[in-house]
């Protein structure tokens, strides 16, 4: 059995005193989409392609790419999607290679850096960590 499991890929985040789980693959079927803004750079599109490929190799499920999260599905937001922009994240203390990975609610994860490089590094950190 692979470390992340074949039947369910669940992400857990611990912040302060609470823990949260976000399931992106359940029983070999996608339970989430990857949200990327339509005007995202080629660099971010390639990083998301790597994310899709790795999750599919690990679980057998291909997460769809979407402009926004459909009702009832979890979402991995990469870059400045409308949902990420609505959070008004403060990236002021980060250098160009920095990033944040946040779980603002039980159905979303946000990966964002101040530059495309930072966001790309956030995608790879997300894949390594979760």
N, C-alpha and C. Protein backbone atom coordinates (compact mmCIF):
# COMPACT_ATOMS: atom_id res chain seq x y z
N UNK A 1 0.84 -1.18 0.00
CA UNK A 1 0.00 0.00 0.00
C UNK A 1 0.89 1.24 0.00
N UNK A 2 0.56 2.18 -0.82
CA UNK A 2 1.33 3.43 -0.89
C UNK A 2 1.06 4.26 0.34
N UNK A 3 2.01 5.14 0.65
CA UNK A 3 1.91 5.95 1.86
C UNK A 3 0.65 6.81 1.87
N UNK A 4 0.20 7.31 0.72
CA UNK A 4 -0.98 8.16 0.73
C UNK A 4 -2.25 7.38 0.50
N UNK A 5 -2.13 6.09 0.23
CA UNK A 5 -3.32 5.24 0.13
C UNK A 5 -3.90 5.25 -1.27
N UNK A 6 -4.49 4.12 -1.65
CA UNK A 6 -5.11 4.01 -2.96
C UNK A 6 -6.61 4.24 -2.92
N UNK A 7 -7.25 4.00 -1.80
CA UNK A 7 -8.70 4.14 -1.77
C UNK A 7 -9.15 5.54 -1.36
N UNK A 8 -8.33 6.24 -0.61
CA UNK A 8 -8.71 7.60 -0.20
C UNK A 8 -7.46 8.44 -0.01
N UNK A 9 -7.50 9.61 -0.54
CA UNK A 9 -6.44 10.58 -0.32
C UNK A 9 -7.06 11.70 0.47
N UNK A 10 -6.70 11.78 1.73
CA UNK A 10 -7.26 12.80 2.62
C UNK A 10 -6.13 13.67 3.11
N UNK A 11 -6.37 14.96 3.13
CA UNK A 11 -5.38 15.92 3.56
C UNK A 11 -5.78 16.44 4.93
N UNK A 12 -4.83 16.46 5.83
CA UNK A 12 -5.12 16.99 7.16
C UNK A 12 -4.25 18.19 7.41
N UNK A 13 -4.84 19.20 7.97
CA UNK A 13 -4.10 20.40 8.33
C UNK A 13 -4.33 20.68 9.80
N UNK A 14 -3.29 20.99 10.48
CA UNK A 14 -3.41 21.33 11.89
C UNK A 14 -3.02 22.79 12.05
N UNK A 15 -3.92 23.57 12.56
CA UNK A 15 -3.67 24.97 12.82
C UNK A 15 -4.14 25.27 14.23
N UNK A 16 -3.20 25.62 15.08
CA UNK A 16 -3.58 25.90 16.46
C UNK A 16 -4.15 24.67 17.12
N UNK A 17 -5.35 24.79 17.64
CA UNK A 17 -5.96 23.71 18.40
C UNK A 17 -6.92 22.87 17.57
N UNK A 18 -7.05 23.12 16.26
CA UNK A 18 -8.01 22.35 15.50
C UNK A 18 -7.36 21.62 14.34
N UNK A 19 -7.94 20.53 13.96
CA UNK A 19 -7.47 19.76 12.82
C UNK A 19 -8.64 19.63 11.85
N UNK A 20 -8.32 19.55 10.58
CA UNK A 20 -9.33 19.48 9.55
C UNK A 20 -8.89 18.48 8.50
N UNK A 21 -9.81 17.74 7.95
CA UNK A 21 -9.50 16.78 6.90
C UNK A 21 -10.26 17.14 5.64
N UNK A 22 -9.57 17.06 4.52
CA UNK A 22 -10.16 17.37 3.22
C UNK A 22 -9.89 16.18 2.32
N UNK A 23 -10.91 15.50 1.85
CA UNK A 23 -10.75 14.34 1.00
C UNK A 23 -10.78 14.78 -0.46
N UNK A 24 -9.76 14.40 -1.22
CA UNK A 24 -9.72 14.76 -2.63
C UNK A 24 -9.96 13.56 -3.55
N UNK A 25 -9.71 12.34 -3.03
CA UNK A 25 -10.00 11.12 -3.78
C UNK A 25 -10.64 10.14 -2.81
N UNK A 26 -11.74 9.53 -3.23
CA UNK A 26 -12.43 8.55 -2.39
C UNK A 26 -12.75 7.33 -3.25
N UNK A 27 -12.27 6.17 -2.82
CA UNK A 27 -12.53 4.91 -3.52
C UNK A 27 -12.15 4.99 -4.99
N UNK A 28 -11.02 5.61 -5.28
CA UNK A 28 -10.52 5.70 -6.64
C UNK A 28 -11.24 6.71 -7.52
N UNK A 29 -12.14 7.49 -6.93
CA UNK A 29 -12.90 8.49 -7.69
C UNK A 29 -12.57 9.90 -7.18
N UNK A 30 -12.51 10.87 -8.07
CA UNK A 30 -12.24 12.25 -7.62
C UNK A 30 -13.33 12.78 -6.70
N UNK A 31 -12.91 13.40 -5.61
CA UNK A 31 -13.83 14.07 -4.69
C UNK A 31 -13.51 15.56 -4.65
N UNK A 32 -12.62 16.00 -5.54
CA UNK A 32 -12.20 17.41 -5.59
C UNK A 32 -11.82 17.77 -7.02
N UNK A 33 -11.73 19.05 -7.26
CA UNK A 33 -11.21 19.59 -8.51
C UNK A 33 -10.02 20.48 -8.19
N UNK A 34 -9.23 20.75 -9.20
CA UNK A 34 -8.15 21.72 -9.08
C UNK A 34 -8.63 22.98 -9.78
N UNK A 35 -8.64 24.09 -9.05
CA UNK A 35 -9.13 25.35 -9.60
C UNK A 35 -7.93 26.22 -9.97
N UNK A 36 -7.90 26.64 -11.21
CA UNK A 36 -6.85 27.50 -11.73
C UNK A 36 -7.52 28.61 -12.51
N UNK A 37 -7.14 29.85 -12.25
CA UNK A 37 -7.73 30.98 -12.96
C UNK A 37 -7.49 30.83 -14.46
N UNK A 38 -8.46 31.20 -15.28
CA UNK A 38 -8.32 31.06 -16.74
C UNK A 38 -7.12 31.83 -17.30
N UNK A 39 -6.73 32.91 -16.64
CA UNK A 39 -5.61 33.71 -17.14
C UNK A 39 -4.28 33.34 -16.46
N UNK A 40 -4.22 32.17 -15.84
CA UNK A 40 -2.99 31.74 -15.16
C UNK A 40 -1.87 31.55 -16.18
N UNK A 41 -0.66 31.72 -15.72
CA UNK A 41 0.50 31.59 -16.60
C UNK A 41 0.73 30.14 -17.01
N UNK A 42 1.51 29.98 -18.06
CA UNK A 42 1.90 28.64 -18.51
C UNK A 42 2.66 27.91 -17.42
N UNK A 43 3.46 28.64 -16.66
CA UNK A 43 4.23 28.06 -15.57
C UNK A 43 3.30 27.40 -14.54
N UNK A 44 2.24 28.09 -14.14
CA UNK A 44 1.29 27.52 -13.18
C UNK A 44 0.49 26.39 -13.80
N UNK A 45 0.13 26.51 -15.06
CA UNK A 45 -0.60 25.44 -15.73
C UNK A 45 0.24 24.16 -15.76
N UNK A 46 1.53 24.29 -15.99
CA UNK A 46 2.41 23.12 -15.99
C UNK A 46 2.53 22.51 -14.59
N UNK A 47 2.62 23.35 -13.57
CA UNK A 47 2.70 22.84 -12.19
C UNK A 47 1.41 22.09 -11.83
N UNK A 48 0.27 22.62 -12.25
CA UNK A 48 -1.00 21.95 -12.00
C UNK A 48 -1.07 20.63 -12.77
N UNK A 49 -0.53 20.61 -13.97
CA UNK A 49 -0.46 19.36 -14.73
C UNK A 49 0.35 18.30 -14.00
N UNK A 50 1.44 18.71 -13.39
CA UNK A 50 2.24 17.79 -12.58
C UNK A 50 1.44 17.29 -11.38
N UNK A 51 0.68 18.20 -10.76
CA UNK A 51 -0.17 17.82 -9.62
C UNK A 51 -1.19 16.77 -10.06
N UNK A 52 -1.87 17.03 -11.17
CA UNK A 52 -2.85 16.08 -11.67
C UNK A 52 -2.21 14.72 -11.93
N UNK A 53 -1.06 14.72 -12.59
CA UNK A 53 -0.39 13.46 -12.95
C UNK A 53 0.03 12.67 -11.72
N UNK A 54 0.58 13.35 -10.72
CA UNK A 54 1.04 12.66 -9.53
C UNK A 54 -0.14 12.08 -8.74
N UNK A 55 -1.21 12.86 -8.59
CA UNK A 55 -2.38 12.35 -7.88
C UNK A 55 -2.98 11.16 -8.63
N UNK A 56 -3.02 11.24 -9.95
CA UNK A 56 -3.56 10.12 -10.73
C UNK A 56 -2.68 8.88 -10.60
N UNK A 57 -1.36 9.05 -10.67
CA UNK A 57 -0.46 7.89 -10.51
C UNK A 57 -0.60 7.27 -9.13
N UNK A 58 -0.84 8.10 -8.12
CA UNK A 58 -0.92 7.61 -6.75
C UNK A 58 -2.25 6.97 -6.41
N UNK A 59 -3.33 7.46 -7.03
CA UNK A 59 -4.67 7.03 -6.61
C UNK A 59 -5.50 6.41 -7.73
N UNK A 60 -5.11 6.64 -8.99
CA UNK A 60 -5.92 6.18 -10.11
C UNK A 60 -7.02 7.15 -10.50
N UNK A 61 -7.17 8.23 -9.76
CA UNK A 61 -8.22 9.22 -10.04
C UNK A 61 -7.60 10.47 -10.65
N UNK A 62 -8.20 10.96 -11.72
CA UNK A 62 -7.74 12.20 -12.35
C UNK A 62 -8.62 13.35 -11.88
N UNK A 63 -8.03 14.29 -11.16
CA UNK A 63 -8.78 15.47 -10.72
C UNK A 63 -8.95 16.41 -11.90
N UNK A 64 -10.17 16.83 -12.14
CA UNK A 64 -10.47 17.75 -13.23
C UNK A 64 -9.93 19.14 -12.92
N UNK A 65 -9.62 19.86 -13.97
CA UNK A 65 -9.23 21.27 -13.87
C UNK A 65 -10.48 22.11 -14.10
N UNK A 66 -10.70 23.12 -13.25
CA UNK A 66 -11.91 23.93 -13.33
C UNK A 66 -11.57 25.40 -13.10
N UNK A 67 -12.47 26.27 -13.56
CA UNK A 67 -12.36 27.71 -13.30
C UNK A 67 -12.89 28.06 -11.93
N UNK A 68 -13.80 27.24 -11.40
CA UNK A 68 -14.35 27.42 -10.06
C UNK A 68 -14.79 26.07 -9.54
N UNK A 69 -14.97 25.97 -8.24
CA UNK A 69 -15.35 24.71 -7.62
C UNK A 69 -16.84 24.44 -7.84
N UNK A 70 -17.18 23.27 -8.39
CA UNK A 70 -18.59 22.92 -8.52
C UNK A 70 -19.20 22.61 -7.15
N UNK A 71 -20.49 22.80 -7.03
CA UNK A 71 -21.18 22.52 -5.76
C UNK A 71 -20.96 21.06 -5.37
N UNK A 72 -20.69 20.86 -4.09
CA UNK A 72 -20.55 19.51 -3.57
C UNK A 72 -19.19 18.89 -3.69
N UNK A 73 -18.24 19.59 -4.31
CA UNK A 73 -16.90 19.04 -4.45
C UNK A 73 -15.90 19.92 -3.71
N UNK A 74 -14.87 19.28 -3.20
CA UNK A 74 -13.76 20.01 -2.59
C UNK A 74 -12.94 20.64 -3.72
N UNK A 75 -12.11 21.63 -3.36
CA UNK A 75 -11.32 22.33 -4.37
C UNK A 75 -9.92 22.62 -3.86
N UNK A 76 -8.96 22.42 -4.75
CA UNK A 76 -7.58 22.83 -4.52
C UNK A 76 -7.37 24.05 -5.40
N UNK A 77 -7.30 25.23 -4.79
CA UNK A 77 -7.13 26.48 -5.53
C UNK A 77 -5.64 26.77 -5.67
N UNK A 78 -5.19 26.96 -6.91
CA UNK A 78 -3.79 27.25 -7.18
C UNK A 78 -3.70 28.64 -7.80
N UNK A 79 -2.96 29.52 -7.14
CA UNK A 79 -2.80 30.88 -7.66
C UNK A 79 -3.97 31.77 -7.29
N UNK A 80 -4.10 32.84 -8.02
CA UNK A 80 -5.08 33.89 -7.70
C UNK A 80 -6.45 33.61 -8.33
N UNK A 81 -7.10 32.57 -7.84
CA UNK A 81 -8.48 32.30 -8.26
C UNK A 81 -9.39 33.30 -7.56
N UNK A 82 -10.62 33.47 -8.03
CA UNK A 82 -11.53 34.39 -7.33
C UNK A 82 -11.70 34.06 -5.84
N UNK A 83 -11.77 32.78 -5.50
CA UNK A 83 -11.92 32.39 -4.09
C UNK A 83 -10.70 32.79 -3.28
N UNK A 84 -9.51 32.67 -3.85
CA UNK A 84 -8.28 33.06 -3.15
C UNK A 84 -8.25 34.58 -2.99
N UNK A 85 -8.60 35.31 -4.04
CA UNK A 85 -8.60 36.76 -3.96
C UNK A 85 -9.57 37.27 -2.92
N UNK A 86 -10.69 36.57 -2.74
CA UNK A 86 -11.69 36.98 -1.75
C UNK A 86 -11.16 36.87 -0.33
N UNK A 87 -10.16 36.00 -0.10
CA UNK A 87 -9.59 35.85 1.24
C UNK A 87 -8.65 36.99 1.60
N UNK A 88 -8.19 37.73 0.60
CA UNK A 88 -7.28 38.86 0.83
C UNK A 88 -6.09 38.44 1.70
N UNK A 89 -5.40 37.38 1.27
CA UNK A 89 -4.24 36.86 2.01
C UNK A 89 -3.11 37.87 2.02
N UNK A 90 -2.46 38.02 3.15
CA UNK A 90 -1.32 38.93 3.28
C UNK A 90 -0.04 38.18 2.97
N UNK A 91 0.58 38.50 1.85
CA UNK A 91 1.82 37.86 1.44
C UNK A 91 3.01 38.81 1.60
N UNK A 92 2.80 39.91 2.30
CA UNK A 92 3.79 40.96 2.43
C UNK A 92 5.12 40.54 3.02
N UNK A 93 5.13 39.55 3.89
CA UNK A 93 6.38 39.11 4.52
C UNK A 93 7.12 38.05 3.72
N UNK A 94 6.56 37.62 2.59
CA UNK A 94 7.18 36.56 1.80
C UNK A 94 8.07 37.12 0.70
N UNK A 95 9.18 36.43 0.45
CA UNK A 95 9.97 36.80 -0.72
C UNK A 95 9.34 36.14 -1.95
N UNK A 96 9.91 36.35 -3.11
CA UNK A 96 9.33 35.85 -4.35
C UNK A 96 9.16 34.35 -4.42
N UNK A 97 9.96 33.60 -3.66
CA UNK A 97 9.87 32.14 -3.67
C UNK A 97 8.98 31.60 -2.56
N UNK A 98 8.44 32.48 -1.73
CA UNK A 98 7.60 32.05 -0.62
C UNK A 98 6.20 31.68 -1.07
N UNK A 99 5.45 31.08 -0.19
CA UNK A 99 4.08 30.68 -0.51
C UNK A 99 3.32 30.41 0.79
N UNK A 100 2.01 30.33 0.67
CA UNK A 100 1.16 29.90 1.77
C UNK A 100 0.30 28.74 1.26
N UNK A 101 0.05 27.80 2.15
CA UNK A 101 -0.91 26.74 1.92
C UNK A 101 -1.90 26.85 3.06
N UNK A 102 -3.13 27.18 2.74
CA UNK A 102 -4.15 27.37 3.77
C UNK A 102 -5.37 26.53 3.48
N UNK A 103 -6.03 26.10 4.55
CA UNK A 103 -7.29 25.36 4.48
C UNK A 103 -8.34 26.27 5.12
N UNK A 104 -8.93 27.20 4.36
CA UNK A 104 -9.85 28.17 4.95
C UNK A 104 -11.18 27.58 5.41
N UNK A 105 -11.55 26.43 4.86
CA UNK A 105 -12.79 25.76 5.28
C UNK A 105 -12.65 24.27 4.98
N UNK A 106 -13.70 23.52 5.28
CA UNK A 106 -13.63 22.07 5.16
C UNK A 106 -13.63 21.57 3.72
N UNK A 107 -13.81 22.44 2.73
CA UNK A 107 -13.87 22.01 1.34
C UNK A 107 -12.82 22.66 0.45
N UNK A 108 -11.89 23.41 1.04
CA UNK A 108 -10.95 24.16 0.21
C UNK A 108 -9.53 24.14 0.76
N UNK A 109 -8.60 24.13 -0.18
CA UNK A 109 -7.20 24.39 0.14
C UNK A 109 -6.73 25.45 -0.85
N UNK A 110 -5.95 26.40 -0.36
CA UNK A 110 -5.45 27.50 -1.18
C UNK A 110 -3.93 27.43 -1.21
N UNK A 111 -3.36 27.50 -2.41
CA UNK A 111 -1.91 27.53 -2.58
C UNK A 111 -1.58 28.80 -3.33
N UNK A 112 -0.82 29.70 -2.70
CA UNK A 112 -0.54 31.00 -3.31
C UNK A 112 0.81 31.52 -2.87
N UNK A 113 1.54 32.08 -3.82
CA UNK A 113 2.77 32.80 -3.55
C UNK A 113 2.68 34.18 -4.14
N UNK A 114 3.60 35.07 -3.77
CA UNK A 114 3.57 36.41 -4.33
C UNK A 114 3.97 36.46 -5.81
N UNK A 115 4.62 35.40 -6.28
CA UNK A 115 5.00 35.28 -7.69
C UNK A 115 4.59 33.90 -8.19
N UNK A 116 4.66 33.69 -9.49
CA UNK A 116 4.38 32.36 -10.03
C UNK A 116 5.38 31.33 -9.50
N UNK A 117 6.64 31.75 -9.30
CA UNK A 117 7.64 30.84 -8.74
C UNK A 117 7.22 30.40 -7.35
N UNK A 118 6.81 31.34 -6.53
CA UNK A 118 6.38 31.00 -5.18
C UNK A 118 5.19 30.05 -5.20
N UNK A 119 4.20 30.35 -6.05
CA UNK A 119 3.03 29.47 -6.14
C UNK A 119 3.43 28.09 -6.61
N UNK A 120 4.31 28.02 -7.60
CA UNK A 120 4.78 26.71 -8.09
C UNK A 120 5.47 25.94 -6.97
N UNK A 121 6.33 26.61 -6.21
CA UNK A 121 6.99 25.94 -5.08
C UNK A 121 5.96 25.47 -4.07
N UNK A 122 4.88 26.24 -3.88
CA UNK A 122 3.80 25.83 -2.99
C UNK A 122 3.10 24.57 -3.47
N UNK A 123 2.90 24.46 -4.77
CA UNK A 123 2.29 23.24 -5.34
C UNK A 123 3.16 22.03 -5.03
N UNK A 124 4.47 22.16 -5.23
CA UNK A 124 5.36 21.01 -4.99
C UNK A 124 5.46 20.69 -3.50
N UNK A 125 5.44 21.70 -2.65
CA UNK A 125 5.43 21.45 -1.21
C UNK A 125 4.14 20.75 -0.80
N UNK A 126 3.03 21.16 -1.36
CA UNK A 126 1.75 20.53 -1.09
C UNK A 126 1.82 19.04 -1.46
N UNK A 127 2.35 18.75 -2.64
CA UNK A 127 2.45 17.35 -3.08
C UNK A 127 3.36 16.54 -2.18
N UNK A 128 4.46 17.13 -1.76
CA UNK A 128 5.38 16.41 -0.86
C UNK A 128 4.78 16.19 0.52
N UNK A 129 4.12 17.20 1.03
CA UNK A 129 3.61 17.15 2.41
C UNK A 129 2.35 16.30 2.53
N UNK A 130 1.44 16.41 1.56
CA UNK A 130 0.14 15.75 1.70
C UNK A 130 -0.02 14.60 0.74
